[in-house]
Amino acid sequence: MAVIGAFTENPQQDGTTTTKKANERPAAAPIVEDATATEPTPEATTAAPSPSPSVATRTETERQSIRYAVRTVKDPDLTEGKRVVRTRGVNGVRTLTYEVTLIDGVPTGRRLVSSVITKRPVTQVVAVGTKRTSRCDPNYSGCVPIASDVDCAGGGGNGPAYVSGPIRVIGTDIYRLDRDGDGYGCDD
């Protein structure tokens, strides 16, 4: 007798053994439809409409400094060239309000809605002296120079400054120009 085919034993998971011929094809597996099949269904082949973007707006405020101005005024009571701050300058504040457009949470546009001065700047006032400094001693009428010592011109003094007379003494005779006490100096 000839053996037409060989038999093999296949162990199963449940512990039983099945026998089949070696050249026998396995039985086709039953077709089971799976909801997660990778083949597209007719509905899946058409593109689903994408959701419209989310558009929102918000308000933002920003503050800017406003630099104070400086005004200079002449002051005849201050000596020439001297500068004194009479009113201290203070910067002001401007508040800017913007409307910001957001698409899907990302800012895409910004529009200025209002600009309001919330604190006015204070102008700084600087006084500049115009009074000429007198180079004459105020104790005498006429001009007696201010120096460590003043003598009458043509006299016997050693200076360093000299004055031509007569000079009237109206205060204290600090240079002793009125030697005879008559109220006039360098009158000899």
C-alpha atoms as a PDB file:
ATOM      1  CA  MET A   1       0.000   0.000   0.000  1.00  0.00           C
ATOM      2  CA  ALA A   2       1.267   3.347  -0.845  1.00  0.00           C
ATOM      3  CA  VAL A   3       1.017   6.320   1.383  1.00  0.00           C
ATOM      4  CA  ILE A   4      -0.480   9.158  -0.413  1.00  0.00           C
ATOM      5  CA  GLY A   5      -0.027  11.810   2.186  1.00  0.00           C
ATOM      6  CA  ALA A   6       1.633  12.225   5.563  1.00  0.00           C
ATOM      7  CA  PHE A   7      -0.153  13.168   8.703  1.00  0.00           C
ATOM      8  CA  THR A   8       1.050  15.691  11.240  1.00  0.00           C
ATOM      9  CA  GLU A   9      -0.162  16.423  14.675  1.00  0.00           C
ATOM     10  CA  ASN A  10      -0.726  19.973  15.810  1.00  0.00           C
ATOM     11  CA  PRO A  11      -0.991  20.673  19.527  1.00  0.00           C
ATOM     12  CA  GLN A  12      -3.794  23.131  20.453  1.00  0.00           C
ATOM     13  CA  GLN A  13      -3.843  25.608  23.268  1.00  0.00           C
ATOM     14  CA  ASP A  14      -6.488  23.761  25.145  1.00  0.00           C
ATOM     15  CA  GLY A  15      -4.262  20.639  25.339  1.00  0.00           C
ATOM     16  CA  THR A  16      -5.933  18.625  22.511  1.00  0.00           C
ATOM     17  CA  THR A  17      -4.186  17.569  19.341  1.00  0.00           C
ATOM     18  CA  THR A  18      -5.542  17.775  15.803  1.00  0.00           C
ATOM     19  CA  THR A  19      -4.311  15.724  12.913  1.00  0.00           C
ATOM     20  CA  LYS A  20      -4.146  16.851   9.300  1.00  0.00           C
ATOM     21  CA  LYS A  21      -2.384  15.909   6.142  1.00  0.00           C
ATOM     22  CA  ALA A  22       0.917  17.670   5.406  1.00  0.00           C
ATOM     23  CA  ASN A  23      -0.143  18.771   1.927  1.00  0.00           C
ATOM     24  CA  GLU A  24      -3.594  19.870   3.042  1.00  0.00           C
ATOM     25  CA  ARG A  25      -4.383  23.547   2.946  1.00  0.00           C
ATOM     26  CA  PRO A  26      -5.589  25.148   6.115  1.00  0.00           C
ATOM     27  CA  ALA A  27      -9.215  26.073   6.210  1.00  0.00           C
ATOM     28  CA  ALA A  28      -9.954  29.689   5.446  1.00  0.00           C
ATOM     29  CA  ALA A  29     -10.460  31.791   8.511  1.00  0.00           C
ATOM     30  CA  PRO A  30     -13.940  33.134   8.935  1.00  0.00           C
ATOM     31  CA  ILE A  31     -14.332  36.782   7.894  1.00  0.00           C
ATOM     32  CA  VAL A  32     -14.985  39.027  10.858  1.00  0.00           C
ATOM     33  CA  GLU A  33     -15.770  42.685  10.254  1.00  0.00           C
ATOM     34  CA  ASP A  34     -13.880  45.009  12.563  1.00  0.00           C
ATOM     35  CA  ALA A  35     -15.073  48.525  13.348  1.00  0.00           C
ATOM     36  CA  THR A  36     -11.453  49.682  13.232  1.00  0.00           C
ATOM     37  CA  ALA A  37     -10.807  48.456   9.733  1.00  0.00           C
ATOM     38  CA  THR A  38      -8.102  50.362   7.901  1.00  0.00           C
ATOM     39  CA  GLU A  39      -9.877  50.316   4.555  1.00  0.00           C
ATOM     40  CA  PRO A  40     -11.720  53.561   4.006  1.00  0.00           C
ATOM     41  CA  THR A  41     -15.455  53.530   3.952  1.00  0.00           C
ATOM     42  CA  PRO A  42     -17.253  55.710   1.432  1.00  0.00           C
ATOM     43  CA  GLU A  43     -17.990  58.334   4.158  1.00  0.00           C
ATOM     44  CA  ALA A  44     -14.318  58.472   5.178  1.00  0.00           C
ATOM     45  CA  THR A  45     -13.083  59.220   1.683  1.00  0.00           C
ATOM     46  CA  THR A  46     -14.818  62.605   1.547  1.00  0.00           C
ATOM     47  CA  ALA A  47     -13.059  65.347   3.537  1.00  0.00           C
ATOM     48  CA  ALA A  48     -14.919  66.358   6.661  1.00  0.00           C
ATOM     49  CA  PRO A  49     -15.419  70.110   6.907  1.00  0.00           C
ATOM     50  CA  SER A  50     -12.779  71.626   9.221  1.00  0.00           C
ATOM     51  CA  PRO A  51     -14.127  73.525  12.196  1.00  0.00           C
ATOM     52  CA  SER A  52     -14.154  77.301  11.654  1.00  0.00           C
ATOM     53  CA  PRO A  53     -11.365  79.149  13.484  1.00  0.00           C
ATOM     54  CA  SER A  54     -12.146  80.645  16.879  1.00  0.00           C
ATOM     55  CA  VAL A  55     -12.064  84.460  16.655  1.00  0.00           C
ATOM     56  CA  ALA A  56     -11.987  86.513  19.854  1.00  0.00           C
ATOM     57  CA  THR A  57     -11.015  90.007  20.953  1.00  0.00           C
ATOM     58  CA  ARG A  58      -9.574  91.362  24.161  1.00  0.00           C
ATOM     59  CA  THR A  59      -8.596  94.781  25.473  1.00  0.00           C
ATOM     60  CA  GLU A  60      -5.028  95.620  26.478  1.00  0.00           C
ATOM     61  CA  THR A  61      -3.737  98.799  28.081  1.00  0.00           C
ATOM     62  CA  GLU A  62      -0.258 100.233  27.925  1.00  0.00           C
ATOM     63  CA  ARG A  63       1.272 103.206  29.738  1.00  0.00           C
ATOM     64  CA  GLN A  64       3.757 105.597  28.185  1.00  0.00           C
ATOM     65  CA  SER A  65       5.812 108.254  29.895  1.00  0.00           C
ATOM     66  CA  ILE A  66       5.410 111.831  28.670  1.00  0.00           C
ATOM     67  CA  ARG A  67       8.631 113.817  29.078  1.00  0.00           C
ATOM     68  CA  TYR A  68       8.231 117.153  30.835  1.00  0.00           C
ATOM     69  CA  ALA A  69       9.157 120.388  29.071  1.00  0.00           C
ATOM     70  CA  VAL A  70      11.766 122.851  30.321  1.00  0.00           C
ATOM     71  CA  ARG A  71      11.087 126.593  30.337  1.00  0.00           C
ATOM     72  CA  THR A  72      13.829 129.128  31.017  1.00  0.00           C
ATOM     73  CA  VAL A  73      13.025 132.514  32.555  1.00  0.00           C
ATOM     74  CA  LYS A  74      15.303 135.493  33.170  1.00  0.00           C
ATOM     75  CA  ASP A  75      15.732 136.576  36.781  1.00  0.00           C
ATOM     76  CA  PRO A  76      17.234 140.031  37.439  1.00  0.00           C
ATOM     77  CA  ASP A  77      17.778 139.167  41.111  1.00  0.00           C
ATOM     78  CA  LEU A  78      20.227 136.359  40.339  1.00  0.00           C
ATOM     79  CA  THR A  79      23.786 137.102  39.313  1.00  0.00           C
ATOM     80  CA  GLU A  80      24.481 136.757  35.622  1.00  0.00           C
ATOM     81  CA  GLY A  81      24.780 133.133  34.441  1.00  0.00           C
ATOM     82  CA  LYS A  82      23.546 131.541  37.678  1.00  0.00           C
ATOM     83  CA  ARG A  83      20.814 128.903  37.120  1.00  0.00           C
ATOM     84  CA  VAL A  84      18.236 127.881  39.716  1.00  0.00           C
ATOM     85  CA  VAL A  85      15.400 125.360  39.295  1.00  0.00           C
ATOM     86  CA  ARG A  86      12.252 127.173  40.447  1.00  0.00           C
ATOM     87  CA  THR A  87       9.778 124.355  39.632  1.00  0.00           C
ATOM     88  CA  ARG A  88      10.965 120.780  39.346  1.00  0.00           C
ATOM     89  CA  GLY A  89       9.739 118.954  36.218  1.00  0.00           C
ATOM     90  CA  VAL A  90       7.640 115.797  36.548  1.00  0.00           C
ATOM     91  CA  ASN A  91       6.941 113.329  33.727  1.00  0.00           C
ATOM     92  CA  GLY A  92       3.327 112.660  32.798  1.00  0.00           C
ATOM     93  CA  VAL A  93       1.588 109.403  31.853  1.00  0.00           C
ATOM     94  CA  ARG A  94      -0.426 108.517  28.734  1.00  0.00           C
ATOM     95  CA  THR A  95      -2.646 105.408  28.831  1.00  0.00           C
ATOM     96  CA  LEU A  96      -3.174 103.638  25.497  1.00  0.00           C
ATOM     97  CA  THR A  97      -6.008 101.130  25.066  1.00  0.00           C
ATOM     98  CA  TYR A  98      -5.816  98.544  22.273  1.00  0.00           C
ATOM     99  CA  GLU A  99      -8.319  96.019  20.928  1.00  0.00           C
ATOM    100  CA  VAL A 100      -6.412  92.801  20.166  1.00  0.00           C
ATOM    101  CA  THR A 101      -7.877  90.227  17.750  1.00  0.00           C
ATOM    102  CA  LEU A 102      -7.051  86.590  18.450  1.00  0.00           C
ATOM    103  CA  ILE A 103      -7.562  83.674  16.067  1.00  0.00           C
ATOM    104  CA  ASP A 104      -7.416  80.321  17.828  1.00  0.00           C
ATOM    105  CA  GLY A 105      -5.794  82.085  20.792  1.00  0.00           C
ATOM    106  CA  VAL A 106      -2.982  83.652  18.719  1.00  0.00           C
ATOM    107  CA  PRO A 107      -2.877  87.494  18.491  1.00  0.00           C
ATOM    108  CA  THR A 108      -3.237  88.519  14.835  1.00  0.00           C
ATOM    109  CA  GLY A 109      -4.181  92.204  14.966  1.00  0.00           C
ATOM    110  CA  ARG A 110      -3.986  95.224  17.228  1.00  0.00           C
ATOM    111  CA  ARG A 111      -5.990  98.435  16.905  1.00  0.00           C
ATOM    112  CA  LEU A 112      -5.625 101.602  19.012  1.00  0.00           C
ATOM    113  CA  VAL A 113      -8.985 102.377  20.605  1.00  0.00           C
ATOM    114  CA  SER A 114      -8.078 105.326  22.847  1.00  0.00           C
ATOM    115  CA  SER A 115      -5.180 107.461  23.999  1.00  0.00           C
ATOM    116  CA  VAL A 116      -5.757 109.382  27.229  1.00  0.00           C
ATOM    117  CA  ILE A 117      -3.376 111.537  29.262  1.00  0.00           C
ATOM    118  CA  THR A 118      -3.925 110.193  32.770  1.00  0.00           C
ATOM    119  CA  LYS A 119      -1.284 112.393  34.416  1.00  0.00           C
ATOM    120  CA  ARG A 120      -0.221 115.703  32.908  1.00  0.00           C
ATOM    121  CA  PRO A 121       3.510 116.493  32.903  1.00  0.00           C
ATOM    122  CA  VAL A 122       4.731 119.400  35.016  1.00  0.00           C
ATOM    123  CA  THR A 123       6.963 121.863  33.154  1.00  0.00           C
ATOM    124  CA  GLN A 124      10.323 122.460  34.774  1.00  0.00           C
ATOM    125  CA  VAL A 125      11.038 126.179  35.259  1.00  0.00           C
ATOM    126  CA  VAL A 126      14.673 127.245  35.379  1.00  0.00           C
ATOM    127  CA  ALA A 127      15.593 130.817  36.339  1.00  0.00           C
ATOM    128  CA  VAL A 128      18.741 132.254  34.759  1.00  0.00           C
ATOM    129  CA  GLY A 129      20.336 135.256  36.384  1.00  0.00           C
ATOM    130  CA  THR A 130      20.767 138.494  34.424  1.00  0.00           C
ATOM    131  CA  LYS A 131      22.113 140.725  37.206  1.00  0.00           C
ATOM    132  CA  ARG A 132      25.546 141.944  36.365  1.00  0.00           C
ATOM    133  CA  THR A 133      27.964 141.352  39.136  1.00  0.00           C
ATOM    134  CA  SER A 134      29.285 144.581  40.374  1.00  0.00           C
ATOM    135  CA  ARG A 135      32.982 144.827  40.362  1.00  0.00           C
ATOM    136  CA  CYS A 136      32.668 147.878  42.523  1.00  0.00           C
ATOM    137  CA  ASP A 137      32.629 147.919  46.302  1.00  0.00           C
ATOM    138  CA  PRO A 138      29.154 148.943  47.583  1.00  0.00           C
ATOM    139  CA  ASN A 139      30.669 150.984  50.454  1.00  0.00           C
ATOM    140  CA  TYR A 140      31.637 153.773  48.053  1.00  0.00           C
ATOM    141  CA  SER A 141      29.768 155.764  45.429  1.00  0.00           C
ATOM    142  CA  GLY A 142      31.610 155.671  42.173  1.00  0.00           C
ATOM    143  CA  CYS A 143      33.479 152.546  41.349  1.00  0.00           C
ATOM    144  CA  VAL A 144      36.053 151.363  43.828  1.00  0.00           C
ATOM    145  CA  PRO A 145      37.278 147.918  42.714  1.00  0.00           C
ATOM    146  CA  ILE A 146      36.893 144.972  45.023  1.00  0.00           C
ATOM    147  CA  ALA A 147      40.394 143.794  45.912  1.00  0.00           C
ATOM    148  CA  SER A 148      42.517 142.800  48.863  1.00  0.00           C
ATOM    149  CA  ASP A 149      43.683 146.445  49.108  1.00  0.00           C
ATOM    150  CA  VAL A 150      42.807 149.620  47.205  1.00  0.00           C
ATOM    151  CA  ASP A 151      44.854 152.806  47.306  1.00  0.00           C
ATOM    152  CA  CYS A 152      44.401 156.251  45.797  1.00  0.00           C
ATOM    153  CA  ALA A 153      46.013 156.608  42.404  1.00  0.00           C
ATOM    154  CA  GLY A 154      49.134 158.776  42.530  1.00  0.00           C
ATOM    155  CA  GLY A 155      49.424 158.214  46.285  1.00  0.00           C
ATOM    156  CA  GLY A 156      51.989 156.280  48.214  1.00  0.00           C
ATOM    157  CA  GLY A 157      50.073 152.965  48.511  1.00  0.00           C
ATOM    158  CA  ASN A 158      51.226 149.618  47.139  1.00  0.00           C
ATOM    159  CA  GLY A 159      47.848 148.447  45.677  1.00  0.00           C
ATOM    160  CA  PRO A 160      47.194 145.968  44.143  1.00  0.00           C
ATOM    161  CA  ALA A 161      44.209 148.119  43.015  1.00  0.00           C
ATOM    162  CA  TYR A 162      44.015 151.900  42.625  1.00  0.00           C
ATOM    163  CA  VAL A 163      41.167 154.410  42.349  1.00  0.00           C
ATOM    164  CA  SER A 164      41.080 158.001  41.116  1.00  0.00           C
ATOM    165  CA  GLY A 165      39.176 160.338  43.392  1.00  0.00           C
ATOM    166  CA  PRO A 166      37.342 161.943  44.839  1.00  0.00           C
ATOM    167  CA  ILE A 167      35.211 158.999  46.033  1.00  0.00           C
ATOM    168  CA  ARG A 168      32.317 159.452  48.453  1.00  0.00           C
ATOM    169  CA  VAL A 169      32.171 156.976  51.366  1.00  0.00           C
ATOM    170  CA  ILE A 170      28.582 155.703  51.849  1.00  0.00           C
ATOM    171  CA  GLY A 171      29.305 152.688  54.056  1.00  0.00           C
ATOM    172  CA  THR A 172      32.310 151.506  55.969  1.00  0.00           C
ATOM    173  CA  ASP A 173      35.642 152.846  54.707  1.00  0.00           C
ATOM    174  CA  ILE A 174      37.244 149.402  54.545  1.00  0.00           C
ATOM    175  CA  TYR A 175      40.196 150.606  52.412  1.00  0.00           C
ATOM    176  CA  ARG A 176      40.811 153.760  54.575  1.00  0.00           C
ATOM    177  CA  LEU A 177      40.564 156.092  51.579  1.00  0.00           C
ATOM    178  CA  ASP A 178      38.984 158.931  53.647  1.00  0.00           C
ATOM    179  CA  ARG A 179      41.919 159.800  55.894  1.00  0.00           C
ATOM    180  CA  ASP A 180      40.568 163.163  57.026  1.00  0.00           C
ATOM    181  CA  GLY A 181      37.052 161.784  57.879  1.00  0.00           C
ATOM    182  CA  ASP A 182      35.065 164.281  55.742  1.00  0.00           C
ATOM    183  CA  GLY A 183      33.146 161.505  53.883  1.00  0.00           C
ATOM    184  CA  TYR A 184      35.279 161.721  50.719  1.00  0.00           C
ATOM    185  CA  GLY A 185      38.271 159.629  49.819  1.00  0.00           C
ATOM    186  CA  CYS A 186      41.190 160.367  47.527  1.00  0.00           C
ATOM    187  CA  ASP A 187      40.269 164.074  47.572  1.00  0.00           C
ATOM    188  CA  ASP A 188      43.674 165.515  48.439  1.00  0.00           C
END
